[in-house]
Amino acid sequence: GKKIKKFVWVVMRKLIMH
């Protein structure tokens, strides 16, 4: 679903930011 995709996006962004 879109919710899962958005969650993955946030996690990936956090990993890249950190």
C-alpha atoms as a PDB file:
ATOM      1  CA  GLY A   1       0.000   0.000   0.000  1.00  0.00           C
ATOM      2  CA  LYS A   2       0.922   3.655  -0.099  1.00  0.00           C
ATOM      3  CA  LYS A   3       1.381   3.733   3.669  1.00  0.00           C
ATOM      4  CA  ILE A   4       4.065   1.050   3.507  1.00  0.00           C
ATOM      5  CA  LYS A   5       5.851   2.826   0.650  1.00  0.00           C
ATOM      6  CA  LYS A   6       5.816   6.103   2.592  1.00  0.00           C
ATOM      7  CA  PHE A   7       7.170   4.324   5.684  1.00  0.00           C
ATOM      8  CA  VAL A   8      10.001   2.816   3.638  1.00  0.00           C
ATOM      9  CA  TRP A   9      10.767   6.251   2.203  1.00  0.00           C
ATOM     10  CA  VAL A  10      11.044   7.738   5.697  1.00  0.00           C
ATOM     11  CA  VAL A  11      13.276   4.914   6.932  1.00  0.00           C
ATOM     12  CA  MET A  12      15.540   5.167   3.896  1.00  0.00           C
ATOM     13  CA  ARG A  13      15.778   8.945   4.273  1.00  0.00           C
ATOM     14  CA  LYS A  14      16.614   8.584   7.965  1.00  0.00           C
ATOM     15  CA  LEU A  15      19.319   6.035   7.177  1.00  0.00           C
ATOM     16  CA  ILE A  16      20.812   8.352   4.549  1.00  0.00           C
ATOM     17  CA  MET A  17      20.577  11.393   6.854  1.00  0.00           C
ATOM     18  CA  HIS A  18      22.236   9.564   9.720  1.00  0.00           C
END
